[in-house]
Amino acid sequence: VASRSIFSMYGAGWYRQALGKQRELVAG
């Protein structure tokens, strides 16, 4: 949940970061 309306304006993404690894996109 975002505190204001951003996803309709800028799109939305899910990212993940495993231990010792860089953050990566999993869905956008």
Full PDB file with SEQRES, HELIX, SHEET, SSBOND, CRYST1, ORIGX, SCALE, CONECT and MASTER records, all heavy atoms in Angstrom:
SEQRES   1 A   28  VAL ALA SER ARG SER ILE PHE SER MET TYR GLY ALA GLY          
SEQRES   2 A   28  TRP TYR ARG GLN ALA LEU GLY LYS GLN ARG GLU LEU VAL          
SEQRES   3 A   28  ALA GLY                                                      
HELIX    1 AA1 PHE A    7  TYR A   10  1                                   4    
SHEET    1 AA1 2 TRP A  14  ARG A  16  0                                        
SHEET    2 AA1 2 GLU A  24  ALA A  27 -1                                        
CRYST1    1.000    1.000    1.000  90.00  90.00  90.00 P 1           1          
ORIGX1      1.000000  0.000000  0.000000        0.00000                         
ORIGX2      0.000000  1.000000  0.000000        0.00000                         
ORIGX3      0.000000  0.000000  1.000000        0.00000                         
SCALE1      1.000000  0.000000  0.000000        0.00000                         
SCALE2      0.000000  1.000000  0.000000        0.00000                         
SCALE3      0.000000  0.000000  1.000000        0.00000                         
ATOM      1  N   VAL A   1       0.846  -1.186   0.000  1.00  0.00           N  
ATOM      2  CA  VAL A   1       0.000   0.000   0.000  1.00  0.00           C  
ATOM      3  C   VAL A   1       0.885   1.242   0.000  1.00  0.00           C  
ATOM      4  O   VAL A   1       1.828   1.347   0.796  1.00  0.00           O  
ATOM      5  CB  VAL A   1      -0.924   0.019   1.230  1.00  0.00           C  
ATOM      6  CG1 VAL A   1      -1.808   1.274   1.204  1.00  0.00           C  
ATOM      7  CG2 VAL A   1      -1.791  -1.234   1.273  1.00  0.00           C  
ATOM      8  N   ALA A   2       0.568   2.161  -0.881  1.00  0.00           N  
ATOM      9  CA  ALA A   2       1.278   3.441  -0.950  1.00  0.00           C  
ATOM     10  C   ALA A   2       0.460   4.519  -0.245  1.00  0.00           C  
ATOM     11  O   ALA A   2      -0.775   4.463  -0.237  1.00  0.00           O  
ATOM     12  CB  ALA A   2       1.531   3.835  -2.394  1.00  0.00           C  
ATOM     13  N   SER A   3       1.152   5.483   0.323  1.00  0.00           N  
ATOM     14  CA  SER A   3       0.466   6.538   1.075  1.00  0.00           C  
ATOM     15  C   SER A   3      -0.239   7.541   0.177  1.00  0.00           C  
ATOM     16  O   SER A   3      -1.051   8.332   0.655  1.00  0.00           O  
ATOM     17  CB  SER A   3       1.465   7.260   1.984  1.00  0.00           C  
ATOM     18  OG  SER A   3       2.533   7.797   1.217  1.00  0.00           O  
ATOM     19  N   ARG A   4       0.077   7.509  -1.093  1.00  0.00           N  
ATOM     20  CA  ARG A   4      -0.660   8.343  -2.040  1.00  0.00           C  
ATOM     21  C   ARG A   4      -0.654   7.665  -3.396  1.00  0.00           C  
ATOM     22  O   ARG A   4       0.013   6.647  -3.592  1.00  0.00           O  
ATOM     23  CB  ARG A   4      -0.061   9.746  -2.110  1.00  0.00           C  
ATOM     24  CG  ARG A   4       1.410   9.824  -2.461  1.00  0.00           C  
ATOM     25  CD  ARG A   4       1.906  11.259  -2.412  1.00  0.00           C  
ATOM     26  NE  ARG A   4       3.339  11.372  -2.662  1.00  0.00           N  
ATOM     27  CZ  ARG A   4       3.867  11.481  -3.869  1.00  0.00           C  
ATOM     28  NH1 ARG A   4       3.104  11.492  -4.939  1.00  0.00           N  
ATOM     29  NH2 ARG A   4       5.178  11.594  -4.009  1.00  0.00           N  
ATOM     30  N   SER A   5      -1.387   8.225  -4.326  1.00  0.00           N  
ATOM     31  CA  SER A   5      -1.587   7.606  -5.627  1.00  0.00           C  
ATOM     32  C   SER A   5      -0.358   7.780  -6.501  1.00  0.00           C  
ATOM     33  O   SER A   5      -0.129   8.838  -7.071  1.00  0.00           O  
ATOM     34  CB  SER A   5      -2.809   8.228  -6.297  1.00  0.00           C  
ATOM     35  OG  SER A   5      -3.008   7.665  -7.563  1.00  0.00           O  
ATOM     36  N   ILE A   6       0.441   6.713  -6.579  1.00  0.00           N  
ATOM     37  CA  ILE A   6       1.640   6.789  -7.402  1.00  0.00           C  
ATOM     38  C   ILE A   6       1.649   5.732  -8.500  1.00  0.00           C  
ATOM     39  O   ILE A   6       2.231   5.922  -9.562  1.00  0.00           O  
ATOM     40  CB  ILE A   6       2.925   6.623  -6.550  1.00  0.00           C  
ATOM     41  CG1 ILE A   6       2.892   5.311  -5.749  1.00  0.00           C  
ATOM     42  CG2 ILE A   6       3.111   7.824  -5.638  1.00  0.00           C  
ATOM     43  CD1 ILE A   6       4.212   4.999  -5.072  1.00  0.00           C  
ATOM     44  N   PHE A   7       1.032   4.593  -8.235  1.00  0.00           N  
ATOM     45  CA  PHE A   7       1.123   3.493  -9.184  1.00  0.00           C  
ATOM     46  C   PHE A   7       0.396   3.796 -10.488  1.00  0.00           C  
ATOM     47  O   PHE A   7       0.859   3.402 -11.562  1.00  0.00           O  
ATOM     48  CB  PHE A   7       0.597   2.206  -8.553  1.00  0.00           C  
ATOM     49  CG  PHE A   7       1.337   1.788  -7.315  1.00  0.00           C  
ATOM     50  CD1 PHE A   7       0.655   1.445  -6.158  1.00  0.00           C  
ATOM     51  CD2 PHE A   7       2.723   1.749  -7.296  1.00  0.00           C  
ATOM     52  CE1 PHE A   7       1.332   1.065  -5.012  1.00  0.00           C  
ATOM     53  CE2 PHE A   7       3.420   1.382  -6.155  1.00  0.00           C  
ATOM     54  CZ  PHE A   7       2.713   1.037  -5.007  1.00  0.00           C  
ATOM     55  N   SER A   8      -0.700   4.509 -10.408  1.00  0.00           N  
ATOM     56  CA  SER A   8      -1.419   4.848 -11.638  1.00  0.00           C  
ATOM     57  C   SER A   8      -0.647   5.871 -12.450  1.00  0.00           C  
ATOM     58  O   SER A   8      -0.808   5.951 -13.671  1.00  0.00           O  
ATOM     59  CB  SER A   8      -2.815   5.368 -11.304  1.00  0.00           C  
ATOM     60  OG  SER A   8      -2.727   6.533 -10.499  1.00  0.00           O  
ATOM     61  N   MET A   9       0.201   6.645 -11.782  1.00  0.00           N  
ATOM     62  CA  MET A   9       0.957   7.685 -12.469  1.00  0.00           C  
ATOM     63  C   MET A   9       2.281   7.172 -13.009  1.00  0.00           C  
ATOM     64  O   MET A   9       2.723   7.588 -14.091  1.00  0.00           O  
ATOM     65  CB  MET A   9       1.215   8.839 -11.504  1.00  0.00           C  
ATOM     66  CG  MET A   9      -0.026   9.563 -11.036  1.00  0.00           C  
ATOM     67  SD  MET A   9       0.335  10.817  -9.801  1.00  0.00           S  
ATOM     68  CE  MET A   9       1.398  11.918 -10.738  1.00  0.00           C  
ATOM     69  N   TYR A  10       2.915   6.269 -12.245  1.00  0.00           N  
ATOM     70  CA  TYR A  10       4.301   5.881 -12.571  1.00  0.00           C  
ATOM     71  C   TYR A  10       4.497   4.399 -12.817  1.00  0.00           C  
ATOM     72  O   TYR A  10       5.628   3.961 -13.053  1.00  0.00           O  
ATOM     73  CB  TYR A  10       5.228   6.316 -11.443  1.00  0.00           C  
ATOM     74  CG  TYR A  10       5.189   7.805 -11.172  1.00  0.00           C  
ATOM     75  CD1 TYR A  10       4.624   8.296  -9.992  1.00  0.00           C  
ATOM     76  CD2 TYR A  10       5.695   8.710 -12.087  1.00  0.00           C  
ATOM     77  CE1 TYR A  10       4.573   9.654  -9.741  1.00  0.00           C  
ATOM     78  CE2 TYR A  10       5.654  10.075 -11.840  1.00  0.00           C  
ATOM     79  CZ  TYR A  10       5.088  10.537 -10.672  1.00  0.00           C  
ATOM     80  OH  TYR A  10       5.041  11.876 -10.427  1.00  0.00           O  
ATOM     81  N   GLY A  11       3.440   3.624 -12.747  1.00  0.00           N  
ATOM     82  CA  GLY A  11       3.595   2.186 -12.842  1.00  0.00           C  
ATOM     83  C   GLY A  11       3.978   1.603 -11.495  1.00  0.00           C  
ATOM     84  O   GLY A  11       4.201   2.333 -10.518  1.00  0.00           O  
ATOM     85  N   ALA A  12       4.060   0.295 -11.416  1.00  0.00           N  
ATOM     86  CA  ALA A  12       4.335  -0.382 -10.151  1.00  0.00           C  
ATOM     87  C   ALA A  12       5.262  -1.559 -10.387  1.00  0.00           C  
ATOM     88  O   ALA A  12       5.182  -2.221 -11.430  1.00  0.00           O  
ATOM     89  CB  ALA A  12       3.040  -0.862  -9.506  1.00  0.00           C  
ATOM     90  N   GLY A  13       6.088  -1.828  -9.411  1.00  0.00           N  
ATOM     91  CA  GLY A  13       7.006  -2.949  -9.537  1.00  0.00           C  
ATOM     92  C   GLY A  13       7.233  -3.643  -8.219  1.00  0.00           C  
ATOM     93  O   GLY A  13       7.112  -3.027  -7.156  1.00  0.00           O  
ATOM     94  N   TRP A  14       7.518  -4.909  -8.306  1.00  0.00           N  
ATOM     95  CA  TRP A  14       7.978  -5.692  -7.161  1.00  0.00           C  
ATOM     96  C   TRP A  14       9.439  -6.068  -7.406  1.00  0.00           C  
ATOM     97  O   TRP A  14       9.804  -6.462  -8.524  1.00  0.00           O  
ATOM     98  CB  TRP A  14       7.138  -6.954  -6.971  1.00  0.00           C  
ATOM     99  CG  TRP A  14       5.834  -6.709  -6.292  1.00  0.00           C  
ATOM    100  CD1 TRP A  14       4.614  -6.533  -6.879  1.00  0.00           C  
ATOM    101  CD2 TRP A  14       5.618  -6.604  -4.878  1.00  0.00           C  
ATOM    102  NE1 TRP A  14       3.653  -6.326  -5.919  1.00  0.00           N  
ATOM    103  CE2 TRP A  14       4.244  -6.373  -4.680  1.00  0.00           C  
ATOM    104  CE3 TRP A  14       6.444  -6.693  -3.762  1.00  0.00           C  
ATOM    105  CZ2 TRP A  14       3.668  -6.217  -3.416  1.00  0.00           C  
ATOM    106  CZ3 TRP A  14       5.886  -6.541  -2.500  1.00  0.00           C  
ATOM    107  CH2 TRP A  14       4.508  -6.305  -2.335  1.00  0.00           C  
ATOM    108  N   TYR A  15      10.212  -5.965  -6.367  1.00  0.00           N  
ATOM    109  CA  TYR A  15      11.636  -6.222  -6.437  1.00  0.00           C  
ATOM    110  C   TYR A  15      11.998  -7.118  -5.254  1.00  0.00           C  
ATOM    111  O   TYR A  15      11.297  -7.151  -4.254  1.00  0.00           O  
ATOM    112  CB  TYR A  15      12.414  -4.906  -6.342  1.00  0.00           C  
ATOM    113  CG  TYR A  15      11.936  -3.872  -7.342  1.00  0.00           C  
ATOM    114  CD1 TYR A  15      10.812  -3.084  -7.082  1.00  0.00           C  
ATOM    115  CD2 TYR A  15      12.591  -3.695  -8.553  1.00  0.00           C  
ATOM    116  CE1 TYR A  15      10.352  -2.160  -8.000  1.00  0.00           C  
ATOM    117  CE2 TYR A  15      12.143  -2.764  -9.476  1.00  0.00           C  
ATOM    118  CZ  TYR A  15      11.021  -2.003  -9.193  1.00  0.00           C  
ATOM    119  OH  TYR A  15      10.563  -1.090 -10.110  1.00  0.00           O  
ATOM    120  N   ARG A  16      13.099  -7.814  -5.375  1.00  0.00           N  
ATOM    121  CA  ARG A  16      13.535  -8.644  -4.260  1.00  0.00           C  
ATOM    122  C   ARG A  16      15.038  -8.567  -4.114  1.00  0.00           C  
ATOM    123  O   ARG A  16      15.765  -8.293  -5.068  1.00  0.00           O  
ATOM    124  CB  ARG A  16      13.089 -10.092  -4.456  1.00  0.00           C  
ATOM    125  CG  ARG A  16      13.785 -10.845  -5.576  1.00  0.00           C  
ATOM    126  CD  ARG A  16      13.177 -12.221  -5.737  1.00  0.00           C  
ATOM    127  NE  ARG A  16      13.807 -12.970  -6.827  1.00  0.00           N  
ATOM    128  CZ  ARG A  16      13.353 -14.116  -7.306  1.00  0.00           C  
ATOM    129  NH1 ARG A  16      12.257 -14.678  -6.768  1.00  0.00           N  
ATOM    130  NH2 ARG A  16      13.982 -14.733  -8.288  1.00  0.00           N  
ATOM    131  N   GLN A  17      15.455  -8.824  -2.885  1.00  0.00           N  
ATOM    132  CA  GLN A  17      16.883  -8.841  -2.590  1.00  0.00           C  
ATOM    133  C   GLN A  17      17.178 -10.032  -1.693  1.00  0.00           C  
ATOM    134  O   GLN A  17      16.729 -10.071  -0.539  1.00  0.00           O  
ATOM    135  CB  GLN A  17      17.334  -7.543  -1.930  1.00  0.00           C  
ATOM    136  CG  GLN A  17      18.834  -7.449  -1.750  1.00  0.00           C  
ATOM    137  CD  GLN A  17      19.283  -6.058  -1.369  1.00  0.00           C  
ATOM    138  OE1 GLN A  17      18.525  -5.245  -0.863  1.00  0.00           O  
ATOM    139  NE2 GLN A  17      20.553  -5.768  -1.626  1.00  0.00           N  
ATOM    140  N   ALA A  18      17.903 -10.982  -2.232  1.00  0.00           N  
ATOM    141  CA  ALA A  18      18.332 -12.130  -1.449  1.00  0.00           C  
ATOM    142  C   ALA A  18      19.602 -11.767  -0.699  1.00  0.00           C  
ATOM    143  O   ALA A  18      20.324 -10.837  -1.078  1.00  0.00           O  
ATOM    144  CB  ALA A  18      18.560 -13.326  -2.362  1.00  0.00           C  
ATOM    145  N   LEU A  19      19.876 -12.512   0.337  1.00  0.00           N  
ATOM    146  CA  LEU A  19      21.046 -12.244   1.167  1.00  0.00           C  
ATOM    147  C   LEU A  19      22.315 -12.283   0.325  1.00  0.00           C  
ATOM    148  O   LEU A  19      22.577 -13.252  -0.398  1.00  0.00           O  
ATOM    149  CB  LEU A  19      21.118 -13.285   2.281  1.00  0.00           C  
ATOM    150  CG  LEU A  19      21.967 -12.926   3.495  1.00  0.00           C  
ATOM    151  CD1 LEU A  19      21.409 -11.694   4.183  1.00  0.00           C  
ATOM    152  CD2 LEU A  19      22.005 -14.101   4.464  1.00  0.00           C  
ATOM    153  N   GLY A  20      23.065 -11.192   0.367  1.00  0.00           N  
ATOM    154  CA  GLY A  20      24.324 -11.137  -0.357  1.00  0.00           C  
ATOM    155  C   GLY A  20      24.210 -10.835  -1.832  1.00  0.00           C  
ATOM    156  O   GLY A  20      25.217 -10.875  -2.551  1.00  0.00           O  
ATOM    157  N   LYS A  21      23.003 -10.547  -2.278  1.00  0.00           N  
ATOM    158  CA  LYS A  21      22.803 -10.272  -3.702  1.00  0.00           C  
ATOM    159  C   LYS A  21      22.208  -8.880  -3.908  1.00  0.00           C  
ATOM    160  O   LYS A  21      21.694  -8.268  -2.982  1.00  0.00           O  
ATOM    161  CB  LYS A  21      21.890 -11.327  -4.319  1.00  0.00           C  
ATOM    162  CG  LYS A  21      22.488 -12.722  -4.322  1.00  0.00           C  
ATOM    163  CD  LYS A  21      21.620 -13.692  -5.103  1.00  0.00           C  
ATOM    164  CE  LYS A  21      22.247 -15.066  -5.160  1.00  0.00           C  
ATOM    165  NZ  LYS A  21      21.427 -16.015  -5.959  1.00  0.00           N  
ATOM    166  N   GLN A  22      22.274  -8.418  -5.136  1.00  0.00           N  
ATOM    167  CA  GLN A  22      21.693  -7.119  -5.462  1.00  0.00           C  
ATOM    168  C   GLN A  22      20.181  -7.236  -5.602  1.00  0.00           C  
ATOM    169  O   GLN A  22      19.639  -8.302  -5.917  1.00  0.00           O  
ATOM    170  CB  GLN A  22      22.295  -6.598  -6.769  1.00  0.00           C  
ATOM    171  CG  GLN A  22      23.740  -6.156  -6.645  1.00  0.00           C  
ATOM    172  CD  GLN A  22      24.227  -5.433  -7.888  1.00  0.00           C  
ATOM    173  OE1 GLN A  22      23.735  -5.666  -8.985  1.00  0.00           O  
ATOM    174  NE2 GLN A  22      25.178  -4.539  -7.710  1.00  0.00           N  
ATOM    175  N   ARG A  23      19.516  -6.132  -5.377  1.00  0.00           N  
ATOM    176  CA  ARG A  23      18.074  -6.088  -5.572  1.00  0.00           C  
ATOM    177  C   ARG A  23      17.760  -6.253  -7.060  1.00  0.00           C  
ATOM    178  O   ARG A  23      18.454  -5.707  -7.914  1.00  0.00           O  
ATOM    179  CB  ARG A  23      17.528  -4.754  -5.056  1.00  0.00           C  
ATOM    180  CG  ARG A  23      16.028  -4.675  -4.956  1.00  0.00           C  
ATOM    181  CD  ARG A  23      15.639  -3.379  -4.246  1.00  0.00           C  
ATOM    182  NE  ARG A  23      15.974  -3.432  -2.832  1.00  0.00           N  
ATOM    183  CZ  ARG A  23      16.026  -2.341  -2.055  1.00  0.00           C  
ATOM    184  NH1 ARG A  23      15.793  -1.157  -2.563  1.00  0.00           N  
ATOM    185  NH2 ARG A  23      16.321  -2.468  -0.776  1.00  0.00           N  
ATOM    186  N   GLU A  24      16.708  -7.027  -7.340  1.00  0.00           N  
ATOM    187  CA  GLU A  24      16.339  -7.291  -8.726  1.00  0.00           C  
ATOM    188  C   GLU A  24      14.839  -7.156  -8.911  1.00  0.00           C  
ATOM    189  O   GLU A  24      14.060  -7.361  -7.995  1.00  0.00           O  
ATOM    190  CB  GLU A  24      16.774  -8.706  -9.142  1.00  0.00           C  
ATOM    191  CG  GLU A  24      16.109  -9.816  -8.342  1.00  0.00           C  
ATOM    192  CD  GLU A  24      16.492 -11.206  -8.831  1.00  0.00           C  
ATOM    193  OE1 GLU A  24      17.219 -11.323  -9.834  1.00  0.00           O  
ATOM    194  OE2 GLU A  24      16.041 -12.189  -8.207  1.00  0.00           O  
ATOM    195  N   LEU A  25      14.462  -6.851 -10.133  1.00  0.00           N  
ATOM    196  CA  LEU A  25      13.045  -6.759 -10.492  1.00  0.00           C  
ATOM    197  C   LEU A  25      12.461  -8.162 -10.592  1.00  0.00           C  
ATOM    198  O   LEU A  25      13.067  -9.048 -11.188  1.00  0.00           O  
ATOM    199  CB  LEU A  25      12.894  -6.048 -11.825  1.00  0.00           C  
ATOM    200  CG  LEU A  25      11.503  -6.023 -12.431  1.00  0.00           C  
ATOM    201  CD1 LEU A  25      10.620  -5.022 -11.671  1.00  0.00           C  
ATOM    202  CD2 LEU A  25      11.557  -5.655 -13.915  1.00  0.00           C  
ATOM    203  N   VAL A  26      11.262  -8.353 -10.034  1.00  0.00           N  
ATOM    204  CA  VAL A  26      10.553  -9.616 -10.252  1.00  0.00           C  
ATOM    205  C   VAL A  26       9.259  -9.426 -11.013  1.00  0.00           C  
ATOM    206  O   VAL A  26       8.717 -10.381 -11.567  1.00  0.00           O  
ATOM    207  CB  VAL A  26      10.273 -10.375  -8.934  1.00  0.00           C  
ATOM    208  CG1 VAL A  26      11.573 -10.853  -8.311  1.00  0.00           C  
ATOM    209  CG2 VAL A  26       9.489  -9.540  -7.947  1.00  0.00           C  
ATOM    210  N   ALA A  27       8.733  -8.223 -11.020  1.00  0.00           N  
ATOM    211  CA  ALA A  27       7.516  -7.957 -11.797  1.00  0.00           C  
ATOM    212  C   ALA A  27       7.328  -6.455 -11.901  1.00  0.00           C  
ATOM    213  O   ALA A  27       7.484  -5.746 -10.910  1.00  0.00           O  
ATOM    214  CB  ALA A  27       6.293  -8.577 -11.140  1.00  0.00           C  
ATOM    215  N   GLY A  28       7.003  -5.999 -13.085  1.00  0.00           N  
ATOM    216  CA  GLY A  28       6.758  -4.579 -13.267  1.00  0.00           C  
ATOM    217  C   GLY A  28       5.579  -4.369 -14.187  1.00  0.00           C  
ATOM    218  O   GLY A  28       5.386  -5.126 -15.142  1.00  0.00           O  
TER     219      GLY A  28                                                      
MASTER        0    0    0    1    2    0    0    6  218    1    0    3          
END                                                                             
